[in-house]
Amino acid sequence: MDIELIGAPVDSGKKGKGCLMGPDAYRTANLARALRRLGHSVTDVGNLTPDMVADPDCANPAVHSLAETIGWTQSLHRAGRNAMQAGRLPIFLGGDHSLSLGSVTGVAAATDKPQFVLWLDAHSDFHTLMTTESGNLHGTPLAYITGRDGFEGFPTVPNPVPEQNICIIGLRSVDEAERSMLEDSDIRYHDMREIDENGISVLLRRFLSDVADAGGNLHVSLDVDFLDPSAAPAVGTTVPGGATVREGHLCMELIADSGLMTSLDLVELNPFLDERGRTAQLMVDLAASALGRRVFDRPTRAYSS
């Protein structure tokens, strides 16, 4: 497979800083080497920069860094579209989750196939500019990519993802405004109770089967906070009770088995909060599992005290 690594040091989608260091942390954790060892061709195009955008008006005073986030959305949209049109599988190295405003719309614009999105996250990220109380735009991508109103100043979404083509797995922190919108939508969503009761493989296999039946492209967006913070502490949005390391790898292995993934986000890694790089390394290992590393091929990790 021809893979393109796209650095997206986006740090505008939230008030807490640190995610801009994420792309280089993935490089330090040897993501490219791990993928090449699986037989893939890997090109690292370096880090993007946001387009320069005039600061638009916004009726919600809580929203911050709006122009910068719009600039990132435009830049990432182009990068994703161009990578897909060149026949490559783009991996977006984040950066906070607002990068998906551009990554998903970009890859969706590059294909005539049905676009599907697997959102592995503790949060639903279904706010608009008008509903967010925090003003943190990393909580808005799913509303934007589905073409919802409330994104004045952002580029028009050329190929909105149908809500029924989106599946969120790992939910455990959804506020009331998002809950109401989510319940009225056609998005599939599974919280940790469903995972505990049914097993994560049952839920994911059902979605992957639908992607295959539709002959669709699959974008996977993996947020660090999908995982339990005991395993992945390097995130500013920790919520206890997340997926285990083994559940994370199982998801990635099922994705690899399906052969459906056409693009990938690795988001919300804040190296400033990490412990000896173990979250970055775990995310690299998960990416490798999604791209063909098998259970018994995993390297042994040794950390000195």
Protein backbone atom coordinates (compact mmCIF):
# COMPACT_ATOMS: atom_id res chain seq x y z
CA MET A 1 0.00 0.00 0.00
CA ASP A 2 1.17 3.54 -0.79
CA ILE A 3 0.81 5.58 2.41
CA GLU A 4 1.20 9.34 2.82
CA LEU A 5 1.91 10.76 6.28
CA ILE A 6 0.49 14.27 6.63
CA GLY A 7 1.57 16.23 9.69
CA ALA A 8 -1.24 18.38 11.09
CA PRO A 9 0.03 20.27 14.16
CA VAL A 10 -3.43 21.71 14.81
CA ASP A 11 -3.78 23.28 18.24
CA SER A 12 -6.61 25.74 17.61
CA GLY A 13 -9.60 23.51 18.30
CA LYS A 14 -9.35 23.79 22.07
CA LYS A 15 -7.98 26.12 24.70
CA GLY A 16 -5.45 23.68 26.18
CA LYS A 17 -2.19 23.55 24.24
CA GLY A 18 0.20 20.75 23.39
CA CYS A 19 -1.29 18.83 20.46
CA LEU A 20 0.88 20.75 18.00
CA MET A 21 3.72 18.47 19.13
CA GLY A 22 1.77 15.35 18.16
CA PRO A 23 3.05 14.85 14.60
CA ASP A 24 6.69 14.87 15.65
CA ALA A 25 5.93 12.51 18.52
CA TYR A 26 4.57 9.97 16.03
CA ARG A 27 7.69 10.38 13.95
CA THR A 28 9.89 9.92 17.03
CA ALA A 29 7.93 6.75 17.83
CA ASN A 30 8.93 5.48 14.37
CA LEU A 31 5.52 5.29 12.69
CA ALA A 32 7.03 5.30 9.19
CA ARG A 33 9.44 2.49 10.07
CA ALA A 34 6.66 0.39 11.59
CA LEU A 35 4.58 0.69 8.42
CA ARG A 36 7.49 0.03 6.09
CA ARG A 37 8.25 -3.16 7.99
CA LEU A 38 4.76 -4.30 7.03
CA GLY A 39 5.70 -3.90 3.38
CA HIS A 40 4.06 -0.55 2.72
CA SER A 41 5.56 2.34 0.82
CA VAL A 42 5.55 5.41 3.09
CA THR A 43 6.03 9.05 2.14
CA ASP A 44 6.16 11.70 4.85
CA VAL A 45 5.18 15.06 3.34
CA GLY A 46 6.01 16.95 6.53
CA ASN A 47 3.77 19.33 8.44
CA LEU A 48 1.07 21.43 6.86
CA THR A 49 0.36 25.03 7.73
CA PRO A 50 -3.08 26.65 7.83
CA ASP A 51 -4.30 28.97 5.10
CA MET A 52 -4.46 32.63 6.02
CA VAL A 53 -8.12 33.49 6.60
CA ALA A 54 -9.76 36.75 7.67
CA ASP A 55 -11.47 36.49 11.05
CA PRO A 56 -15.19 35.97 10.35
CA ASP A 57 -18.05 37.15 12.50
CA CYS A 58 -19.53 34.57 14.86
CA ALA A 59 -22.71 35.00 16.89
CA ASN A 60 -21.37 32.69 19.60
CA PRO A 61 -18.83 34.64 21.70
CA ALA A 62 -17.47 31.42 23.22
CA VAL A 63 -15.97 30.27 19.92
CA HIS A 64 -12.24 30.94 19.74
CA SER A 65 -9.51 30.60 17.09
CA LEU A 66 -12.17 30.47 14.39
CA ALA A 67 -10.10 31.90 11.54
CA GLU A 68 -7.15 29.63 12.31
CA THR A 69 -9.38 26.57 12.41
CA ILE A 70 -10.99 27.51 9.10
CA GLY A 71 -7.49 27.91 7.67
CA TRP A 72 -6.53 24.45 8.86
CA THR A 73 -9.75 23.03 7.43
CA GLN A 74 -8.95 24.40 3.99
CA SER A 75 -5.34 23.21 4.06
CA LEU A 76 -6.22 19.72 5.30
CA HIS A 77 -9.07 19.39 2.82
CA ARG A 78 -6.68 19.95 -0.08
CA ALA A 79 -4.08 17.58 1.33
CA GLY A 80 -6.60 14.79 1.86
CA ARG A 81 -8.20 15.22 -1.54
CA ASN A 82 -4.84 15.31 -3.32
CA ALA A 83 -3.52 12.22 -1.52
CA MET A 84 -6.62 10.22 -2.38
CA GLN A 85 -6.58 11.35 -6.00
CA ALA A 86 -2.95 10.23 -6.21
CA GLY A 87 -4.00 6.75 -5.07
CA ARG A 88 -2.43 7.02 -1.63
CA LEU A 89 -3.79 6.23 1.82
CA PRO A 90 -3.40 9.42 3.86
CA ILE A 91 -2.66 9.24 7.58
CA PHE A 92 -3.24 12.58 9.28
CA LEU A 93 -0.93 13.03 12.26
CA GLY A 94 -2.60 15.34 14.77
CA GLY A 95 -3.09 17.68 16.25
CA ASP A 96 -6.48 18.10 17.91
CA HIS A 97 -9.67 16.60 16.53
CA SER A 98 -10.70 19.76 14.69
CA LEU A 99 -8.31 18.54 11.98
CA SER A 100 -11.07 16.15 10.90
CA LEU A 101 -13.09 19.13 9.68
CA GLY A 102 -10.66 19.12 6.76
CA SER A 103 -9.34 15.57 6.58
CA VAL A 104 -12.75 13.92 6.21
CA THR A 105 -14.22 16.46 3.81
CA GLY A 106 -11.05 16.25 1.73
CA VAL A 107 -11.02 12.48 1.32
CA ALA A 108 -14.79 12.41 0.75
CA ALA A 109 -14.45 14.97 -2.05
CA ALA A 110 -11.95 12.76 -3.88
CA THR A 111 -14.18 9.76 -4.53
CA ASP A 112 -17.45 8.79 -6.18
CA LYS A 113 -17.79 5.87 -3.79
CA PRO A 114 -19.98 6.10 -0.68
CA GLN A 115 -17.94 7.59 2.17
CA PHE A 116 -18.13 5.97 5.60
CA VAL A 117 -16.57 7.23 8.84
CA LEU A 118 -15.64 5.22 11.93
CA TRP A 119 -15.27 7.59 14.90
CA LEU A 120 -13.37 5.99 17.80
CA ASP A 121 -13.83 8.54 20.56
CA ALA A 122 -15.14 9.16 24.06
CA HIS A 123 -17.06 12.15 22.69
CA SER A 124 -19.58 12.56 19.88
CA ASP A 125 -18.08 15.82 18.50
CA PHE A 126 -21.49 16.77 17.08
CA HIS A 127 -21.70 20.44 18.06
CA THR A 128 -22.05 23.37 15.69
CA LEU A 129 -20.65 26.87 16.14
CA MET A 130 -23.97 27.84 17.67
CA THR A 131 -24.40 24.96 20.13
CA THR A 132 -20.91 24.70 21.61
CA GLU A 133 -20.70 26.23 25.07
CA SER A 134 -16.96 25.70 25.45
CA GLY A 135 -16.15 27.22 22.07
CA ASN A 136 -13.76 24.32 21.43
CA LEU A 137 -14.05 23.45 17.76
CA HIS A 138 -12.54 19.99 18.21
CA GLY A 139 -16.09 19.13 19.32
CA THR A 140 -17.67 19.99 15.94
CA PRO A 141 -16.33 17.77 13.11
CA LEU A 142 -19.19 15.28 12.80
CA ALA A 143 -21.79 18.04 12.51
CA TYR A 144 -19.70 19.77 9.84
CA ILE A 145 -18.87 16.76 7.68
CA THR A 146 -22.53 15.74 7.56
CA GLY A 147 -23.44 19.15 6.16
CA ARG A 148 -25.34 20.56 9.14
CA ASP A 149 -26.09 24.27 9.31
CA GLY A 150 -24.27 26.47 11.79
CA PHE A 151 -20.80 26.74 10.22
CA GLU A 152 -20.81 30.23 8.76
CA GLY A 153 -17.37 31.15 7.46
CA PHE A 154 -16.32 27.55 6.80
CA PRO A 155 -16.05 26.19 3.26
CA THR A 156 -19.19 24.54 1.93
CA VAL A 157 -18.92 20.79 2.32
CA PRO A 158 -18.83 19.46 -1.27
CA ASN A 159 -19.71 15.86 -0.48
CA PRO A 160 -21.44 15.57 2.92
CA VAL A 161 -21.17 12.18 4.62
CA PRO A 162 -24.65 10.67 5.12
CA GLU A 163 -25.38 10.35 8.81
CA GLN A 164 -26.22 6.65 8.45
CA ASN A 165 -22.67 6.12 7.14
CA ILE A 166 -21.11 7.21 10.44
CA CYS A 167 -20.47 4.97 13.43
CA ILE A 168 -19.18 6.24 16.79
CA ILE A 169 -17.70 3.66 19.14
CA GLY A 170 -16.47 4.36 22.67
CA LEU A 171 -18.86 7.09 23.85
CA ARG A 172 -18.83 7.98 27.51
CA SER A 173 -19.06 11.78 27.67
CA VAL A 174 -21.87 13.50 25.75
CA ASP A 175 -23.46 16.76 26.87
CA GLU A 176 -27.19 17.46 26.67
CA ALA A 177 -27.16 19.53 23.48
CA GLU A 178 -25.19 16.87 21.62
CA ARG A 179 -27.30 14.07 23.07
CA SER A 180 -30.47 15.64 21.72
CA MET A 181 -28.99 16.17 18.25
CA LEU A 182 -27.45 12.71 18.20
CA GLU A 183 -30.70 11.01 19.16
CA ASP A 184 -32.49 12.87 16.36
CA SER A 185 -29.85 11.88 13.81
CA ASP A 186 -29.22 8.70 11.81
CA ILE A 187 -25.69 8.33 13.18
CA ARG A 188 -24.93 4.97 14.76
CA TYR A 189 -23.40 5.33 18.19
CA HIS A 190 -22.26 2.83 20.81
CA ASP A 191 -21.25 3.72 24.34
CA MET A 192 -19.04 1.70 26.65
CA ARG A 193 -22.00 -0.10 28.20
CA GLU A 194 -22.88 -1.55 24.80
CA ILE A 195 -19.27 -2.59 24.38
CA ASP A 196 -19.28 -4.25 27.80
CA GLU A 197 -22.55 -6.05 27.12
CA ASN A 198 -22.04 -7.10 23.49
CA GLY A 199 -18.30 -7.01 22.86
CA ILE A 200 -16.62 -4.49 20.61
CA SER A 201 -16.17 -6.92 17.72
CA VAL A 202 -19.93 -7.46 17.28
CA LEU A 203 -20.58 -3.73 16.96
CA LEU A 204 -17.67 -3.07 14.63
CA ARG A 205 -18.22 -6.11 12.39
CA ARG A 206 -21.80 -4.98 11.78
CA PHE A 207 -20.63 -1.58 10.57
CA LEU A 208 -17.77 -2.94 8.47
CA SER A 209 -20.17 -5.33 6.80
CA ASP A 210 -22.34 -2.40 5.73
CA VAL A 211 -19.31 -0.56 4.36
CA ALA A 212 -18.35 -3.63 2.33
CA ASP A 213 -21.90 -4.17 1.05
CA ALA A 214 -22.02 -0.56 -0.17
CA GLY A 215 -18.59 -0.76 -1.80
CA GLY A 216 -17.61 2.28 0.23
CA ASN A 217 -14.45 4.03 1.35
CA LEU A 218 -13.74 4.01 5.07
CA HIS A 219 -12.16 6.86 7.00
CA VAL A 220 -11.09 5.92 10.53
CA SER A 221 -10.66 8.69 13.09
CA LEU A 222 -8.84 7.44 16.18
CA ASP A 223 -8.85 9.78 19.18
CA VAL A 224 -6.44 9.04 22.03
CA ASP A 225 -9.33 9.38 24.48
CA PHE A 226 -11.06 6.37 22.92
CA LEU A 227 -8.61 4.45 25.10
CA ASP A 228 -8.68 4.34 28.86
CA PRO A 229 -6.40 7.04 30.31
CA SER A 230 -4.56 4.41 32.36
CA ALA A 231 -3.19 3.10 29.06
CA ALA A 232 -3.07 6.37 27.13
CA PRO A 233 -2.54 9.35 29.46
CA ALA A 234 -1.32 11.86 26.84
CA VAL A 235 -4.64 13.57 26.16
CA GLY A 236 -6.27 16.65 27.61
CA THR A 237 -9.79 15.21 27.50
CA THR A 238 -9.47 12.13 29.70
CA VAL A 239 -12.61 10.18 30.59
CA PRO A 240 -12.20 7.04 32.76
CA GLY A 241 -13.60 3.74 31.58
CA GLY A 242 -12.35 3.73 28.02
CA ALA A 243 -11.32 0.93 25.71
CA THR A 244 -8.52 -1.35 26.81
CA VAL A 245 -5.32 -1.81 24.84
CA ARG A 246 -6.57 -5.18 23.71
CA GLU A 247 -9.93 -3.77 22.59
CA GLY A 248 -8.10 -1.07 20.68
CA HIS A 249 -5.95 -3.59 18.87
CA LEU A 250 -8.95 -5.79 18.14
CA CYS A 251 -10.68 -2.86 16.44
CA MET A 252 -7.61 -2.17 14.36
CA GLU A 253 -7.11 -5.82 13.47
CA LEU A 254 -10.73 -6.14 12.31
CA ILE A 255 -10.25 -3.03 10.18
CA ALA A 256 -7.12 -4.56 8.66
CA ASP A 257 -8.93 -7.85 8.00
CA SER A 258 -11.70 -5.98 6.20
CA GLY A 259 -9.31 -4.22 3.81
CA LEU A 260 -11.73 -1.28 3.76
CA MET A 261 -9.76 1.57 5.36
CA THR A 262 -8.78 4.27 2.87
CA SER A 263 -7.71 7.06 5.26
CA LEU A 264 -6.86 7.51 8.94
CA ASP A 265 -6.70 10.25 11.58
CA LEU A 266 -4.50 9.92 14.67
CA VAL A 267 -5.66 12.76 16.89
CA GLU A 268 -5.51 14.47 20.29
CA LEU A 269 -2.04 13.24 21.26
CA ASN A 270 -0.51 15.76 23.66
CA PRO A 271 3.12 14.67 24.22
CA PHE A 272 3.46 17.16 27.08
CA LEU A 273 1.12 14.90 29.08
CA ASP A 274 2.73 11.60 28.08
CA GLU A 275 4.78 9.21 30.19
CA ARG A 276 8.06 8.27 28.46
CA GLY A 277 6.28 8.36 25.11
CA ARG A 278 4.07 5.38 25.83
CA THR A 279 0.87 6.91 24.44
CA ALA A 280 2.60 7.87 21.20
CA GLN A 281 4.02 4.36 20.93
CA LEU A 282 0.62 2.80 21.58
CA MET A 283 -0.99 4.91 18.86
CA VAL A 284 1.78 3.89 16.45
CA ASP A 285 1.20 0.24 17.34
CA LEU A 286 -2.53 0.64 16.77
CA ALA A 287 -1.92 2.20 13.38
CA ALA A 288 0.33 -0.73 12.52
CA SER A 289 -2.42 -3.15 13.55
CA ALA A 290 -4.87 -1.32 11.27
CA LEU A 291 -2.43 -1.78 8.41
CA GLY A 292 -1.70 -5.46 8.81
CA ARG A 293 0.42 -6.19 11.87
CA ARG A 294 -0.78 -9.47 13.36
CA VAL A 295 -1.13 -10.39 17.02
CA PHE A 296 1.97 -12.55 17.18
CA ASP A 297 4.09 -10.05 15.24
CA ARG A 298 4.00 -7.37 17.93
CA PRO A 299 7.37 -6.17 19.19
CA THR A 300 8.30 -6.44 22.84
CA ARG A 301 8.67 -3.05 24.54
CA ALA A 302 11.33 -2.49 27.15
CA TYR A 303 11.31 0.69 29.19
CA SER A 304 14.01 1.55 31.64
CA SER A 305 12.97 3.07 34.96
